[in-house]
């Protein structure tokens, strides 16, 4: 393989989110960090704070595992920070998935710890995995190593065009440490990342990574940071 072929194999589409930068509408379809704007009247335990509202219906790219979901709302128990080395942090999150807008209400539930901002989606087509993740097939790794040896290329200089360590749907998890994999049954579907504008920091510029088993409707949540 040459560099162009490797890019074609590795690159994935993703929807990334830019925080703020436009006047909020609070209308149906607007995603948020630090606020659950829309949902249904549900009994959320008091230790869980609103983290995010993610509308999927109008995004430029959504992974196939989430294609039947119109809206995801996320609440987080901040006690998660005492358990970041646990194998699965999903018990510290309430993840509500709505397949239609029927019965949705504007609930405007805002976090007391995160400054809320609307999220502006943007399509990218060149999301690339971290080198030390488990997202690069062995044969592809071998081809990259061969080119590094024979043609003096560098993975991050010559193949990677950009890394997107931000709120993101699809693409690859933007690991800061060595990556993890939960197998084909639990593919990565989105991440919520540290966000200076929203005054939301996961230890040291870290992220929460969300993996979804569509058949079981089950989640795994993982975290890493610098």
C-alpha atoms as a PDB file:
ATOM      1  CA  UNK A   1       0.000   0.000   0.000  1.00  0.00           C
ATOM      2  CA  UNK A   2       1.039   3.595  -0.565  1.00  0.00           C
ATOM      3  CA  UNK A   3       0.058   6.611   1.532  1.00  0.00           C
ATOM      4  CA  UNK A   4      -3.076   7.391  -0.502  1.00  0.00           C
ATOM      5  CA  UNK A   5      -4.285   3.794  -0.181  1.00  0.00           C
ATOM      6  CA  UNK A   6      -3.638   3.767   3.554  1.00  0.00           C
ATOM      7  CA  UNK A   7      -5.636   6.957   3.996  1.00  0.00           C
ATOM      8  CA  UNK A   8      -8.525   5.428   2.060  1.00  0.00           C
ATOM      9  CA  UNK A   9      -8.494   2.381   4.342  1.00  0.00           C
ATOM     10  CA  UNK A  10      -8.108   4.300   7.601  1.00  0.00           C
ATOM     11  CA  UNK A  11     -10.180   7.452   7.200  1.00  0.00           C
ATOM     12  CA  UNK A  12     -13.691   7.461   8.665  1.00  0.00           C
ATOM     13  CA  UNK A  13     -16.495   9.971   8.651  1.00  0.00           C
ATOM     14  CA  UNK A  14     -17.592  11.602  11.890  1.00  0.00           C
ATOM     15  CA  UNK A  15     -19.736  14.449  13.111  1.00  0.00           C
ATOM     16  CA  UNK A  16     -17.722  16.732  15.364  1.00  0.00           C
ATOM     17  CA  UNK A  17     -19.259  19.443  17.526  1.00  0.00           C
ATOM     18  CA  UNK A  18     -18.027  22.976  18.065  1.00  0.00           C
ATOM     19  CA  UNK A  19     -19.133  24.499  21.356  1.00  0.00           C
ATOM     20  CA  UNK A  20     -21.049  27.770  21.179  1.00  0.00           C
ATOM     21  CA  UNK A  21     -20.296  30.346  18.523  1.00  0.00           C
ATOM     22  CA  UNK A  22     -23.904  30.906  17.519  1.00  0.00           C
ATOM     23  CA  UNK A  23     -27.101  32.196  19.079  1.00  0.00           C
ATOM     24  CA  UNK A  24     -28.974  29.344  20.782  1.00  0.00           C
ATOM     25  CA  UNK A  25     -32.491  28.609  19.597  1.00  0.00           C
ATOM     26  CA  UNK A  26     -33.517  26.014  22.229  1.00  0.00           C
ATOM     27  CA  UNK A  27     -35.589  24.464  19.470  1.00  0.00           C
ATOM     28  CA  UNK A  28     -36.127  20.791  18.779  1.00  0.00           C
ATOM     29  CA  UNK A  29     -33.002  19.519  17.005  1.00  0.00           C
ATOM     30  CA  UNK A  30     -30.391  21.658  18.774  1.00  0.00           C
ATOM     31  CA  UNK A  31     -27.697  19.706  20.637  1.00  0.00           C
ATOM     32  CA  UNK A  32     -26.196  20.911  23.913  1.00  0.00           C
ATOM     33  CA  UNK A  33     -23.376  20.364  26.372  1.00  0.00           C
ATOM     34  CA  UNK A  34     -24.211  20.977  30.037  1.00  0.00           C
ATOM     35  CA  UNK A  35     -27.952  20.766  29.539  1.00  0.00           C
ATOM     36  CA  UNK A  36     -30.714  18.293  28.779  1.00  0.00           C
ATOM     37  CA  UNK A  37     -33.048  20.546  26.848  1.00  0.00           C
ATOM     38  CA  UNK A  38     -35.579  17.993  25.601  1.00  0.00           C
ATOM     39  CA  UNK A  39     -36.851  14.697  26.941  1.00  0.00           C
ATOM     40  CA  UNK A  40     -39.676  13.158  28.893  1.00  0.00           C
ATOM     41  CA  UNK A  41     -40.602  13.482  32.518  1.00  0.00           C
ATOM     42  CA  UNK A  42     -38.485  10.739  34.054  1.00  0.00           C
ATOM     43  CA  UNK A  43     -37.302  10.107  37.580  1.00  0.00           C
ATOM     44  CA  UNK A  44     -33.604  10.968  37.458  1.00  0.00           C
ATOM     45  CA  UNK A  45     -31.825  10.308  40.788  1.00  0.00           C
ATOM     46  CA  UNK A  46     -30.552  13.518  42.365  1.00  0.00           C
ATOM     47  CA  UNK A  47     -26.857  12.615  42.079  1.00  0.00           C
ATOM     48  CA  UNK A  48     -27.079  12.571  38.267  1.00  0.00           C
ATOM     49  CA  UNK A  49     -26.567  15.919  36.558  1.00  0.00           C
ATOM     50  CA  UNK A  50     -27.454  16.741  32.939  1.00  0.00           C
ATOM     51  CA  UNK A  51     -24.425  16.320  30.699  1.00  0.00           C
ATOM     52  CA  UNK A  52     -25.584  16.531  27.108  1.00  0.00           C
ATOM     53  CA  UNK A  53     -28.429  16.609  24.600  1.00  0.00           C
ATOM     54  CA  UNK A  54     -27.528  15.053  21.253  1.00  0.00           C
ATOM     55  CA  UNK A  55     -30.022  15.160  18.392  1.00  0.00           C
ATOM     56  CA  UNK A  56     -29.080  12.639  15.709  1.00  0.00           C
ATOM     57  CA  UNK A  57     -31.864  13.193  13.184  1.00  0.00           C
ATOM     58  CA  UNK A  58     -30.217  16.117  11.382  1.00  0.00           C
ATOM     59  CA  UNK A  59     -26.524  15.293  11.757  1.00  0.00           C
ATOM     60  CA  UNK A  60     -24.355  14.982   8.631  1.00  0.00           C
ATOM     61  CA  UNK A  61     -23.071  11.584   9.775  1.00  0.00           C
ATOM     62  CA  UNK A  62     -24.324   8.994  12.280  1.00  0.00           C
ATOM     63  CA  UNK A  63     -22.868   5.471  12.674  1.00  0.00           C
ATOM     64  CA  UNK A  64     -25.210   2.698  11.616  1.00  0.00           C
ATOM     65  CA  UNK A  65     -25.585   1.458  15.207  1.00  0.00           C
ATOM     66  CA  UNK A  66     -27.389   4.713  16.059  1.00  0.00           C
ATOM     67  CA  UNK A  67     -29.387   5.221  12.850  1.00  0.00           C
ATOM     68  CA  UNK A  68     -32.735   4.340  14.478  1.00  0.00           C
ATOM     69  CA  UNK A  69     -32.202   6.796  17.343  1.00  0.00           C
ATOM     70  CA  UNK A  70     -33.402  10.386  17.004  1.00  0.00           C
ATOM     71  CA  UNK A  71     -32.224  11.820  20.320  1.00  0.00           C
ATOM     72  CA  UNK A  72     -29.799  10.853  23.093  1.00  0.00           C
ATOM     73  CA  UNK A  73     -29.830  12.574  26.474  1.00  0.00           C
ATOM     74  CA  UNK A  74     -27.080  11.913  29.000  1.00  0.00           C
ATOM     75  CA  UNK A  75     -26.934  12.437  32.757  1.00  0.00           C
ATOM     76  CA  UNK A  76     -23.736  11.860  34.753  1.00  0.00           C
ATOM     77  CA  UNK A  77     -23.007  11.074  38.387  1.00  0.00           C
ATOM     78  CA  UNK A  78     -19.913  13.128  39.226  1.00  0.00           C
ATOM     79  CA  UNK A  79     -18.830  10.358  41.611  1.00  0.00           C
ATOM     80  CA  UNK A  80     -17.508   8.779  38.429  1.00  0.00           C
ATOM     81  CA  UNK A  81     -14.286  10.710  39.070  1.00  0.00           C
ATOM     82  CA  UNK A  82     -13.570   8.366  41.984  1.00  0.00           C
ATOM     83  CA  UNK A  83     -13.901   5.308  39.742  1.00  0.00           C
ATOM     84  CA  UNK A  84     -12.132   6.181  36.504  1.00  0.00           C
ATOM     85  CA  UNK A  85     -10.093   2.972  36.578  1.00  0.00           C
ATOM     86  CA  UNK A  86     -13.208   0.774  36.626  1.00  0.00           C
ATOM     87  CA  UNK A  87     -13.690  -1.501  33.623  1.00  0.00           C
ATOM     88  CA  UNK A  88     -17.066   0.018  32.760  1.00  0.00           C
ATOM     89  CA  UNK A  89     -18.291   3.437  33.877  1.00  0.00           C
ATOM     90  CA  UNK A  90     -21.795   3.002  32.456  1.00  0.00           C
ATOM     91  CA  UNK A  91     -23.382   2.751  35.951  1.00  0.00           C
ATOM     92  CA  UNK A  92     -22.424   6.405  36.476  1.00  0.00           C
ATOM     93  CA  UNK A  93     -24.380   7.526  33.411  1.00  0.00           C
ATOM     94  CA  UNK A  94     -28.053   7.570  32.500  1.00  0.00           C
ATOM     95  CA  UNK A  95     -28.295   7.374  28.714  1.00  0.00           C
ATOM     96  CA  UNK A  96     -31.797   7.869  27.320  1.00  0.00           C
ATOM     97  CA  UNK A  97     -32.376   6.999  23.672  1.00  0.00           C
ATOM     98  CA  UNK A  98     -35.495   8.179  21.849  1.00  0.00           C
ATOM     99  CA  UNK A  99     -36.486   6.674  18.517  1.00  0.00           C
ATOM    100  CA  UNK A 100     -39.118   9.346  17.823  1.00  0.00           C
ATOM    101  CA  UNK A 101     -40.062  12.831  18.961  1.00  0.00           C
ATOM    102  CA  UNK A 102     -43.540  11.753  20.094  1.00  0.00           C
ATOM    103  CA  UNK A 103     -44.133  12.902  23.640  1.00  0.00           C
ATOM    104  CA  UNK A 104     -40.951  14.955  23.915  1.00  0.00           C
ATOM    105  CA  UNK A 105     -41.127  18.009  26.129  1.00  0.00           C
ATOM    106  CA  UNK A 106     -38.829  20.975  26.644  1.00  0.00           C
ATOM    107  CA  UNK A 107     -37.485  20.244  30.129  1.00  0.00           C
ATOM    108  CA  UNK A 108     -34.486  22.641  30.154  1.00  0.00           C
ATOM    109  CA  UNK A 109     -32.593  20.712  32.827  1.00  0.00           C
ATOM    110  CA  UNK A 110     -29.263  22.492  33.305  1.00  0.00           C
ATOM    111  CA  UNK A 111     -26.110  21.302  35.070  1.00  0.00           C
ATOM    112  CA  UNK A 112     -24.923  23.193  38.129  1.00  0.00           C
ATOM    113  CA  UNK A 113     -21.270  22.295  37.344  1.00  0.00           C
ATOM    114  CA  UNK A 114     -21.036  22.651  33.559  1.00  0.00           C
ATOM    115  CA  UNK A 115     -21.640  25.884  31.686  1.00  0.00           C
ATOM    116  CA  UNK A 116     -24.219  25.079  29.040  1.00  0.00           C
ATOM    117  CA  UNK A 117     -23.694  25.845  25.345  1.00  0.00           C
ATOM    118  CA  UNK A 118     -25.368  24.746  22.116  1.00  0.00           C
ATOM    119  CA  UNK A 119     -23.275  22.441  19.956  1.00  0.00           C
ATOM    120  CA  UNK A 120     -22.751  23.121  16.261  1.00  0.00           C
ATOM    121  CA  UNK A 121     -22.233  19.929  14.188  1.00  0.00           C
ATOM    122  CA  UNK A 122     -19.750  19.650  11.350  1.00  0.00           C
ATOM    123  CA  UNK A 123     -18.925  16.722   9.064  1.00  0.00           C
ATOM    124  CA  UNK A 124     -15.349  15.474   8.768  1.00  0.00           C
ATOM    125  CA  UNK A 125     -14.245  12.702   6.437  1.00  0.00           C
ATOM    126  CA  UNK A 126     -10.673  12.120   7.582  1.00  0.00           C
ATOM    127  CA  UNK A 127     -10.932  10.980  11.205  1.00  0.00           C
ATOM    128  CA  UNK A 128      -7.962   8.711  11.903  1.00  0.00           C
ATOM    129  CA  UNK A 129      -7.130   6.364  14.793  1.00  0.00           C
ATOM    130  CA  UNK A 130      -4.355   6.942  17.291  1.00  0.00           C
ATOM    131  CA  UNK A 131      -1.327   4.814  16.455  1.00  0.00           C
ATOM    132  CA  UNK A 132      -1.291   2.943  19.772  1.00  0.00           C
ATOM    133  CA  UNK A 133      -5.032   2.258  19.740  1.00  0.00           C
ATOM    134  CA  UNK A 134      -6.487  -1.103  18.805  1.00  0.00           C
ATOM    135  CA  UNK A 135      -8.311   0.412  15.840  1.00  0.00           C
ATOM    136  CA  UNK A 136      -5.663  -0.285  13.181  1.00  0.00           C
ATOM    137  CA  UNK A 137      -5.709  -3.737  11.636  1.00  0.00           C
ATOM    138  CA  UNK A 138      -2.469  -5.693  11.962  1.00  0.00           C
ATOM    139  CA  UNK A 139      -1.941  -5.851   8.186  1.00  0.00           C
ATOM    140  CA  UNK A 140      -2.382  -2.087   7.911  1.00  0.00           C
ATOM    141  CA  UNK A 141       0.034  -1.500  10.782  1.00  0.00           C
ATOM    142  CA  UNK A 142       2.575  -3.698   9.006  1.00  0.00           C
ATOM    143  CA  UNK A 143       2.230  -1.647   5.812  1.00  0.00           C
ATOM    144  CA  UNK A 144       2.721   1.608   7.739  1.00  0.00           C
ATOM    145  CA  UNK A 145       5.804   0.221   9.476  1.00  0.00           C
ATOM    146  CA  UNK A 146       7.177  -0.929   6.120  1.00  0.00           C
ATOM    147  CA  UNK A 147       6.746   2.561   4.639  1.00  0.00           C
ATOM    148  CA  UNK A 148       8.307   4.140   7.715  1.00  0.00           C
ATOM    149  CA  UNK A 149      11.341   1.907   7.261  1.00  0.00           C
ATOM    150  CA  UNK A 150      11.642   1.979   3.460  1.00  0.00           C
ATOM    151  CA  UNK A 151      10.467   5.510   2.645  1.00  0.00           C
ATOM    152  CA  UNK A 152      11.172   7.345   5.897  1.00  0.00           C
ATOM    153  CA  UNK A 153       7.551   8.412   6.447  1.00  0.00           C
ATOM    154  CA  UNK A 154       5.901   9.130   9.801  1.00  0.00           C
ATOM    155  CA  UNK A 155       2.351   8.051  10.648  1.00  0.00           C
ATOM    156  CA  UNK A 156       1.313  11.352  12.236  1.00  0.00           C
ATOM    157  CA  UNK A 157       3.147  13.513   9.697  1.00  0.00           C
ATOM    158  CA  UNK A 158       2.313  11.755   6.435  1.00  0.00           C
ATOM    159  CA  UNK A 159      -0.927   9.800   6.966  1.00  0.00           C
ATOM    160  CA  UNK A 160      -2.891  11.523   9.713  1.00  0.00           C
ATOM    161  CA  UNK A 161      -4.417  14.784   8.493  1.00  0.00           C
ATOM    162  CA  UNK A 162      -6.176  15.761  11.708  1.00  0.00           C
ATOM    163  CA  UNK A 163      -7.126  14.442  15.137  1.00  0.00           C
ATOM    164  CA  UNK A 164     -10.471  15.444  16.637  1.00  0.00           C
ATOM    165  CA  UNK A 165     -10.273  15.350  20.466  1.00  0.00           C
ATOM    166  CA  UNK A 166     -13.727  16.844  20.972  1.00  0.00           C
ATOM    167  CA  UNK A 167     -17.394  15.914  21.300  1.00  0.00           C
ATOM    168  CA  UNK A 168     -17.896  13.558  18.386  1.00  0.00           C
ATOM    169  CA  UNK A 169     -20.346  11.071  16.859  1.00  0.00           C
ATOM    170  CA  UNK A 170     -18.777   8.240  14.878  1.00  0.00           C
ATOM    171  CA  UNK A 171     -15.186   8.116  13.707  1.00  0.00           C
ATOM    172  CA  UNK A 172     -12.580   6.882  16.154  1.00  0.00           C
ATOM    173  CA  UNK A 173     -12.160   7.408  19.892  1.00  0.00           C
ATOM    174  CA  UNK A 174      -9.450  10.022  20.417  1.00  0.00           C
ATOM    175  CA  UNK A 175      -7.441   8.158  23.025  1.00  0.00           C
ATOM    176  CA  UNK A 176      -4.762   9.987  24.987  1.00  0.00           C
ATOM    177  CA  UNK A 177      -3.322   6.722  26.332  1.00  0.00           C
ATOM    178  CA  UNK A 178      -3.176   3.244  24.819  1.00  0.00           C
ATOM    179  CA  UNK A 179      -6.591   2.425  23.408  1.00  0.00           C
ATOM    180  CA  UNK A 180      -9.045  -0.322  24.288  1.00  0.00           C
ATOM    181  CA  UNK A 181     -11.423  -2.460  22.269  1.00  0.00           C
ATOM    182  CA  UNK A 182     -14.611  -4.217  23.356  1.00  0.00           C
ATOM    183  CA  UNK A 183     -14.939  -6.263  20.199  1.00  0.00           C
ATOM    184  CA  UNK A 184     -17.414  -6.117  17.351  1.00  0.00           C
ATOM    185  CA  UNK A 185     -20.407  -6.396  19.699  1.00  0.00           C
ATOM    186  CA  UNK A 186     -19.586  -3.068  21.328  1.00  0.00           C
ATOM    187  CA  UNK A 187     -18.398  -0.623  18.660  1.00  0.00           C
ATOM    188  CA  UNK A 188     -17.422   2.933  19.549  1.00  0.00           C
ATOM    189  CA  UNK A 189     -20.251   5.340  18.684  1.00  0.00           C
ATOM    190  CA  UNK A 190     -19.484   8.701  20.344  1.00  0.00           C
ATOM    191  CA  UNK A 191     -17.373  10.594  22.845  1.00  0.00           C
ATOM    192  CA  UNK A 192     -17.873  13.493  25.243  1.00  0.00           C
ATOM    193  CA  UNK A 193     -14.626  15.369  25.816  1.00  0.00           C
ATOM    194  CA  UNK A 194     -13.176  17.994  28.102  1.00  0.00           C
ATOM    195  CA  UNK A 195     -14.513  21.361  27.027  1.00  0.00           C
ATOM    196  CA  UNK A 196     -12.796  24.552  28.275  1.00  0.00           C
ATOM    197  CA  UNK A 197     -15.609  26.804  27.069  1.00  0.00           C
ATOM    198  CA  UNK A 198     -18.157  24.768  29.021  1.00  0.00           C
ATOM    199  CA  UNK A 199     -15.769  24.614  31.995  1.00  0.00           C
ATOM    200  CA  UNK A 200     -15.917  20.833  31.830  1.00  0.00           C
ATOM    201  CA  UNK A 201     -12.631  19.028  32.469  1.00  0.00           C
ATOM    202  CA  UNK A 202     -12.187  15.271  32.714  1.00  0.00           C
ATOM    203  CA  UNK A 203      -9.155  15.174  35.028  1.00  0.00           C
ATOM    204  CA  UNK A 204      -6.652  16.486  32.471  1.00  0.00           C
ATOM    205  CA  UNK A 205      -8.135  17.020  29.011  1.00  0.00           C
ATOM    206  CA  UNK A 206      -9.665  13.556  28.970  1.00  0.00           C
ATOM    207  CA  UNK A 207     -12.749  12.068  27.315  1.00  0.00           C
ATOM    208  CA  UNK A 208     -15.547   9.648  28.024  1.00  0.00           C
ATOM    209  CA  UNK A 209     -15.949   7.074  25.226  1.00  0.00           C
ATOM    210  CA  UNK A 210     -19.296   5.384  24.626  1.00  0.00           C
ATOM    211  CA  UNK A 211     -19.596   1.900  23.102  1.00  0.00           C
ATOM    212  CA  UNK A 212     -23.028   0.519  22.182  1.00  0.00           C
ATOM    213  CA  UNK A 213     -24.374  -2.988  21.704  1.00  0.00           C
ATOM    214  CA  UNK A 214     -27.337  -2.440  19.403  1.00  0.00           C
ATOM    215  CA  UNK A 215     -28.764  -5.946  19.905  1.00  0.00           C
ATOM    216  CA  UNK A 216     -28.698  -5.766  23.704  1.00  0.00           C
ATOM    217  CA  UNK A 217     -29.314  -2.006  23.879  1.00  0.00           C
ATOM    218  CA  UNK A 218     -26.401  -1.955  26.299  1.00  0.00           C
ATOM    219  CA  UNK A 219     -23.570   0.532  26.887  1.00  0.00           C
ATOM    220  CA  UNK A 220     -19.938   0.444  27.941  1.00  0.00           C
ATOM    221  CA  UNK A 221     -18.298   3.731  28.954  1.00  0.00           C
ATOM    222  CA  UNK A 222     -14.538   4.139  29.184  1.00  0.00           C
ATOM    223  CA  UNK A 223     -12.376   7.103  30.175  1.00  0.00           C
ATOM    224  CA  UNK A 224      -8.795   8.173  29.661  1.00  0.00           C
ATOM    225  CA  UNK A 225      -6.828  11.390  30.092  1.00  0.00           C
ATOM    226  CA  UNK A 226      -3.300  12.770  30.028  1.00  0.00           C
END
